[in-house]
N, C-alpha and C. Protein backbone atom coordinates (compact mmCIF):
# COMPACT_ATOMS: atom_id res chain seq x y z
N UNK A 1 27.57 -15.21 -24.33
CA UNK A 1 26.53 -14.48 -24.48
C UNK A 1 25.94 -14.01 -23.12
N UNK A 2 25.45 -12.83 -22.66
CA UNK A 2 24.63 -12.47 -21.63
C UNK A 2 23.49 -12.13 -21.95
N UNK A 3 22.44 -12.93 -20.94
CA UNK A 3 21.07 -12.63 -21.21
C UNK A 3 20.59 -11.94 -20.07
N UNK A 4 19.85 -11.09 -19.97
CA UNK A 4 19.14 -10.60 -18.87
C UNK A 4 17.73 -10.97 -18.73
N UNK A 5 17.23 -11.44 -17.78
CA UNK A 5 15.66 -11.76 -17.46
C UNK A 5 15.05 -10.60 -16.41
N UNK A 6 14.19 -10.06 -16.62
CA UNK A 6 13.34 -9.49 -15.44
C UNK A 6 12.52 -10.14 -14.76
N UNK A 7 12.77 -10.43 -13.46
CA UNK A 7 11.83 -11.56 -12.66
C UNK A 7 11.55 -10.81 -11.36
N UNK A 8 10.50 -11.80 -11.07
CA UNK A 8 9.84 -11.64 -9.58
C UNK A 8 10.55 -11.91 -8.39
N UNK A 9 11.29 -13.11 -8.49
CA UNK A 9 12.24 -13.56 -7.42
C UNK A 9 13.70 -13.73 -7.96
N UNK A 10 14.90 -13.97 -7.04
CA UNK A 10 16.11 -14.01 -7.45
C UNK A 10 16.28 -15.56 -7.67
N UNK A 11 15.64 -16.09 -8.77
CA UNK A 11 16.19 -17.72 -8.92
C UNK A 11 15.60 -18.03 -10.42
N UNK A 12 16.09 -19.08 -10.76
CA UNK A 12 15.75 -19.72 -12.17
C UNK A 12 14.61 -20.24 -12.15
N UNK A 13 13.69 -20.42 -11.02
CA UNK A 13 12.56 -21.01 -10.95
C UNK A 13 11.18 -19.96 -10.91
N UNK A 14 11.98 -18.61 -10.78
CA UNK A 14 10.94 -17.30 -10.60
C UNK A 14 10.18 -17.27 -11.98
N UNK A 15 8.98 -16.39 -11.97
CA UNK A 15 8.48 -15.93 -13.02
C UNK A 15 9.01 -14.87 -13.71
N UNK A 16 9.01 -14.60 -15.04
CA UNK A 16 9.17 -13.31 -15.53
C UNK A 16 8.06 -12.37 -14.99
N UNK A 17 8.61 -11.26 -14.82
CA UNK A 17 7.83 -10.09 -14.16
C UNK A 17 6.94 -9.57 -15.08
N UNK A 18 5.85 -9.25 -14.63
CA UNK A 18 4.81 -8.40 -15.81
C UNK A 18 5.41 -7.20 -16.33
N UNK A 19 6.24 -6.42 -15.79
CA UNK A 19 6.91 -5.41 -15.98
C UNK A 19 8.30 -5.19 -16.03
N UNK A 20 8.95 -4.64 -17.54
CA UNK A 20 10.27 -4.89 -17.27
C UNK A 20 11.06 -3.72 -16.42
N UNK A 21 10.88 -2.62 -16.41
CA UNK A 21 11.77 -1.57 -15.85
C UNK A 21 11.21 -1.56 -13.99
N UNK A 22 10.20 -2.19 -13.82
CA UNK A 22 9.78 -2.09 -12.36
C UNK A 22 9.85 -3.61 -11.96
N UNK A 23 10.71 -4.55 -12.75
CA UNK A 23 10.67 -5.94 -12.20
C UNK A 23 11.58 -5.77 -10.82
N UNK A 24 11.22 -6.69 -9.91
CA UNK A 24 11.90 -6.59 -8.75
C UNK A 24 13.35 -7.15 -8.80
N UNK A 25 13.66 -7.82 -9.60
CA UNK A 25 15.01 -8.42 -9.76
C UNK A 25 15.33 -8.64 -11.45
N UNK A 26 16.78 -8.40 -11.78
CA UNK A 26 17.23 -8.83 -13.03
C UNK A 26 18.23 -9.95 -12.90
N UNK A 27 18.04 -11.04 -13.52
CA UNK A 27 19.05 -11.84 -13.56
C UNK A 27 19.90 -11.70 -14.74
N UNK A 28 21.36 -11.65 -14.78
CA UNK A 28 22.07 -11.91 -15.79
C UNK A 28 22.69 -13.23 -16.02
N UNK A 29 22.38 -13.78 -17.18
CA UNK A 29 22.84 -15.05 -17.30
C UNK A 29 23.66 -15.41 -18.48
N UNK A 30 24.85 -15.93 -18.13
CA UNK A 30 25.96 -16.37 -18.96
C UNK A 30 25.69 -17.51 -19.71
N UNK A 31 25.40 -17.84 -20.90
CA UNK A 31 24.89 -19.01 -21.72
C UNK A 31 26.31 -19.89 -21.50
N UNK A 32 27.45 -19.30 -21.67
CA UNK A 32 28.57 -20.23 -21.76
C UNK A 32 28.82 -21.06 -20.42
N UNK A 33 28.74 -20.58 -19.31
CA UNK A 33 28.86 -21.30 -18.11
C UNK A 33 27.70 -21.76 -17.50
N UNK A 34 26.47 -21.21 -18.02
CA UNK A 34 25.21 -21.58 -17.19
C UNK A 34 25.27 -20.94 -15.75
N UNK A 35 25.82 -19.85 -15.44
CA UNK A 35 25.94 -19.21 -14.22
C UNK A 35 25.05 -17.91 -14.37
N UNK A 36 24.73 -17.43 -13.08
CA UNK A 36 23.99 -16.04 -13.18
C UNK A 36 24.11 -15.50 -12.02
N UNK A 37 23.94 -14.14 -12.31
CA UNK A 37 24.06 -12.89 -10.88
C UNK A 37 22.62 -12.35 -11.03
N UNK A 38 22.46 -12.10 -9.76
CA UNK A 38 21.07 -11.41 -9.52
C UNK A 38 21.28 -9.94 -8.99
N UNK A 39 20.63 -8.88 -9.59
CA UNK A 39 20.80 -7.62 -9.42
C UNK A 39 19.12 -7.32 -8.96
N UNK A 40 19.25 -6.69 -7.77
CA UNK A 40 18.00 -6.07 -7.16
C UNK A 40 17.75 -4.87 -7.69
N UNK A 41 16.51 -4.63 -8.19
CA UNK A 41 15.99 -3.34 -8.96
C UNK A 41 15.41 -2.57 -7.74
N UNK A 42 15.95 -1.49 -7.58
CA UNK A 42 15.39 -0.28 -6.54
C UNK A 42 14.57 0.59 -7.42
N UNK A 43 13.57 -0.16 -7.61
CA UNK A 43 12.42 0.99 -8.51
C UNK A 43 11.49 1.70 -7.76
N UNK A 44 12.26 2.42 -7.05
CA UNK A 44 11.69 3.42 -6.16
C UNK A 44 11.06 4.81 -6.56
N UNK A 45 11.47 5.01 -7.87
CA UNK A 45 11.25 6.48 -8.23
C UNK A 45 10.16 6.49 -9.15
N UNK A 46 9.24 7.22 -9.34
CA UNK A 46 8.08 7.35 -10.27
C UNK A 46 8.16 7.43 -11.73
N UNK A 47 9.16 7.90 -12.09
CA UNK A 47 9.39 8.07 -13.67
C UNK A 47 10.77 7.75 -13.61
N UNK A 48 10.91 7.61 -15.18
CA UNK A 48 12.33 7.29 -15.52
C UNK A 48 13.15 5.99 -15.18
N UNK A 49 12.34 4.82 -15.13
CA UNK A 49 12.80 3.82 -14.75
C UNK A 49 13.12 2.77 -15.81
N UNK A 50 12.64 3.11 -17.06
CA UNK A 50 12.94 2.52 -18.05
C UNK A 50 14.59 2.50 -18.59
N UNK A 51 14.89 3.79 -18.66
CA UNK A 51 16.23 3.93 -19.05
C UNK A 51 17.35 3.60 -18.04
N UNK A 52 16.79 3.70 -16.84
CA UNK A 52 17.71 3.12 -15.69
C UNK A 52 17.93 1.57 -15.98
N UNK A 53 16.80 0.92 -16.25
CA UNK A 53 16.79 -0.42 -16.21
C UNK A 53 17.78 -0.96 -17.37
N UNK A 54 17.50 -0.21 -18.65
CA UNK A 54 18.55 -0.29 -19.71
C UNK A 54 19.83 0.22 -19.46
N UNK A 55 20.20 0.79 -18.76
CA UNK A 55 21.79 1.10 -18.49
C UNK A 55 22.31 0.09 -17.44
N UNK A 56 21.44 -0.73 -16.51
CA UNK A 56 21.66 -1.95 -16.16
C UNK A 56 22.07 -2.96 -16.95
N UNK A 57 21.31 -3.24 -18.18
CA UNK A 57 21.62 -4.24 -19.10
C UNK A 57 23.08 -3.64 -19.59
N UNK A 58 23.07 -2.42 -20.18
CA UNK A 58 24.38 -1.93 -20.77
C UNK A 58 25.40 -2.44 -20.04
N UNK A 59 25.51 -1.68 -18.73
CA UNK A 59 26.54 -2.18 -17.75
C UNK A 59 26.97 -3.11 -17.57
N UNK A 60 26.07 -4.33 -17.78
CA UNK A 60 26.12 -5.74 -17.49
C UNK A 60 26.92 -6.29 -19.18
N UNK A 61 26.92 -5.67 -20.33
CA UNK A 61 27.42 -6.10 -21.55
C UNK A 61 26.17 -7.23 -21.91
N UNK A 62 24.84 -7.07 -21.62
CA UNK A 62 23.85 -7.87 -22.28
C UNK A 62 23.68 -7.56 -23.65
N UNK A 63 23.55 -8.67 -24.06
CA UNK A 63 22.97 -8.85 -25.85
C UNK A 63 21.43 -9.06 -25.88
N UNK A 64 20.89 -9.78 -25.20
CA UNK A 64 19.50 -10.11 -25.10
C UNK A 64 18.82 -9.80 -23.82
N UNK A 65 17.51 -9.35 -24.11
CA UNK A 65 16.79 -9.28 -22.78
C UNK A 65 15.39 -9.92 -23.11
N UNK A 66 15.17 -10.75 -21.97
CA UNK A 66 13.94 -11.43 -22.07
C UNK A 66 13.02 -10.90 -20.85
N UNK A 67 11.92 -10.43 -21.16
CA UNK A 67 10.83 -9.70 -20.26
C UNK A 67 9.44 -9.40 -20.69
N UNK A 68 8.57 -8.82 -20.16
CA UNK A 68 7.51 -8.45 -20.54
C UNK A 68 8.13 -7.36 -21.58
N UNK A 69 7.03 -6.77 -22.15
CA UNK A 69 7.36 -5.87 -23.24
C UNK A 69 7.68 -4.45 -22.50
N UNK A 70 9.01 -3.89 -22.86
CA UNK A 70 9.29 -2.63 -22.12
C UNK A 70 8.60 -1.49 -22.91
N UNK A 71 8.51 -0.34 -22.28
CA UNK A 71 7.81 0.67 -22.65
C UNK A 71 8.61 1.32 -23.61
N UNK A 72 7.81 2.38 -24.44
CA UNK A 72 8.26 3.06 -25.74
C UNK A 72 9.85 3.47 -25.60
N UNK A 73 10.14 4.39 -24.26
CA UNK A 73 11.50 4.85 -24.08
C UNK A 73 12.38 3.89 -23.78
N UNK A 74 12.12 2.71 -23.09
CA UNK A 74 12.88 1.85 -22.97
C UNK A 74 13.28 0.94 -24.07
N UNK A 75 12.20 0.54 -25.16
CA UNK A 75 12.43 0.00 -26.27
C UNK A 75 13.49 0.69 -27.06
N UNK A 76 13.15 1.97 -27.42
CA UNK A 76 14.30 2.94 -28.12
C UNK A 76 15.60 2.78 -27.52
N UNK A 77 15.72 2.63 -26.15
CA UNK A 77 17.23 2.78 -25.65
C UNK A 77 17.64 1.27 -25.78
N UNK A 78 17.07 0.22 -25.62
CA UNK A 78 17.26 -0.98 -25.93
C UNK A 78 17.92 -1.24 -27.58
N UNK A 79 16.99 -0.63 -28.50
CA UNK A 79 17.32 -0.79 -29.80
C UNK A 79 18.79 0.01 -30.30
N UNK A 80 18.67 1.25 -29.82
CA UNK A 80 20.06 1.90 -29.88
C UNK A 80 21.16 1.28 -29.44
N UNK A 81 21.28 0.56 -28.37
CA UNK A 81 22.06 -0.29 -27.68
C UNK A 81 22.36 -1.52 -28.14
N UNK A 82 21.48 -1.96 -29.44
CA UNK A 82 21.74 -3.31 -29.93
C UNK A 82 21.53 -4.33 -28.96
N UNK A 83 20.29 -4.26 -28.09
CA UNK A 83 19.98 -5.58 -27.23
C UNK A 83 18.66 -5.59 -27.94
N UNK A 84 18.76 -7.07 -28.20
CA UNK A 84 17.75 -7.70 -28.61
C UNK A 84 16.69 -8.23 -27.56
N UNK A 85 15.05 -7.87 -27.92
CA UNK A 85 14.44 -8.40 -26.73
C UNK A 85 13.42 -9.20 -27.49
N UNK A 86 13.25 -10.17 -26.20
CA UNK A 86 12.24 -11.41 -26.40
C UNK A 86 11.14 -11.22 -25.45
N UNK A 87 9.98 -11.67 -25.97
CA UNK A 87 8.83 -11.74 -24.92
C UNK A 87 8.79 -13.23 -24.00
N UNK A 88 9.05 -12.75 -22.73
CA UNK A 88 9.14 -13.96 -21.74
C UNK A 88 7.82 -14.08 -20.99
N UNK A 89 6.65 -13.05 -21.40
CA UNK A 89 5.49 -13.18 -20.20
C UNK A 89 5.00 -14.55 -20.40
N UNK A 90 4.62 -14.98 -19.10
CA UNK A 90 4.01 -16.03 -18.51
C UNK A 90 4.97 -17.23 -18.56
N UNK A 91 6.27 -17.12 -18.47
CA UNK A 91 7.04 -18.26 -18.45
C UNK A 91 7.87 -18.20 -17.16
N UNK A 92 8.50 -19.40 -16.67
CA UNK A 92 9.58 -19.17 -15.68
C UNK A 92 10.80 -18.86 -16.24
N UNK A 93 11.80 -18.35 -15.43
CA UNK A 93 13.18 -17.87 -16.22
C UNK A 93 13.92 -19.11 -16.80
N UNK A 94 13.83 -20.37 -16.04
CA UNK A 94 14.27 -21.73 -16.75
C UNK A 94 13.52 -21.99 -18.02
N UNK A 95 12.36 -21.89 -18.22
CA UNK A 95 11.42 -22.28 -19.40
C UNK A 95 11.75 -21.12 -20.54
N UNK A 96 12.17 -19.80 -20.27
CA UNK A 96 12.35 -18.82 -21.03
C UNK A 96 13.81 -19.13 -21.62
N UNK A 97 14.63 -19.48 -20.70
CA UNK A 97 15.99 -19.68 -21.36
C UNK A 97 15.81 -20.84 -22.15
N UNK A 98 15.46 -21.85 -21.99
CA UNK A 98 15.06 -23.16 -22.64
C UNK A 98 14.59 -22.86 -24.13
N UNK A 99 13.62 -22.14 -24.01
CA UNK A 99 12.95 -21.83 -25.46
C UNK A 99 13.89 -20.87 -26.19
N UNK A 100 14.44 -19.80 -25.71
CA UNK A 100 15.37 -18.98 -26.12
C UNK A 100 16.45 -19.87 -26.81
N UNK A 101 17.21 -20.53 -26.17
CA UNK A 101 18.30 -21.63 -26.83
C UNK A 101 17.70 -22.43 -28.11
N UNK A 102 16.28 -22.82 -27.96
CA UNK A 102 15.66 -23.73 -28.96
C UNK A 102 15.16 -22.92 -30.04
N UNK A 103 15.26 -21.43 -29.91
CA UNK A 103 14.78 -20.49 -31.00
C UNK A 103 13.42 -20.41 -30.91
N UNK A 104 12.53 -20.62 -29.91
CA UNK A 104 11.25 -20.76 -29.82
C UNK A 104 10.34 -19.56 -29.06
N UNK A 105 11.37 -18.44 -28.80
CA UNK A 105 10.90 -17.17 -28.06
C UNK A 105 10.69 -16.37 -29.33
N UNK A 106 9.52 -15.46 -29.05
CA UNK A 106 9.22 -14.28 -30.04
C UNK A 106 10.09 -13.17 -29.64
N UNK A 107 10.67 -12.88 -30.89
CA UNK A 107 11.51 -11.66 -30.87
C UNK A 107 10.62 -10.36 -31.19
N UNK A 108 10.98 -9.48 -30.11
CA UNK A 108 9.95 -8.18 -30.17
C UNK A 108 11.02 -7.19 -30.95
N UNK A 109 12.15 -6.81 -30.68
CA UNK A 109 12.90 -5.87 -31.38
C UNK A 109 14.33 -6.76 -32.22
């Protein structure tokens, strides 16, 4: 399963970003291989970043998003794309993944 995390830095030790669509990076983690790829988020437009960030998740065949709480438009797009959202605020990427695997993260949608 692929998990996308919205992060401040391109590493597993980065903090989860405070904002989903404007996170500087997205890490797409494959739980079977324990490998990940980094996608730089070019959040340079003033509006419409939520749907663009959701499209990144869709294009990467993500099933789970771990991030700060997405805005309304992004949340609707995630729901319609059947991507489950989990609250990762205040955690490092490695901590969020561990808590997700242990069923300890709060599901938002």
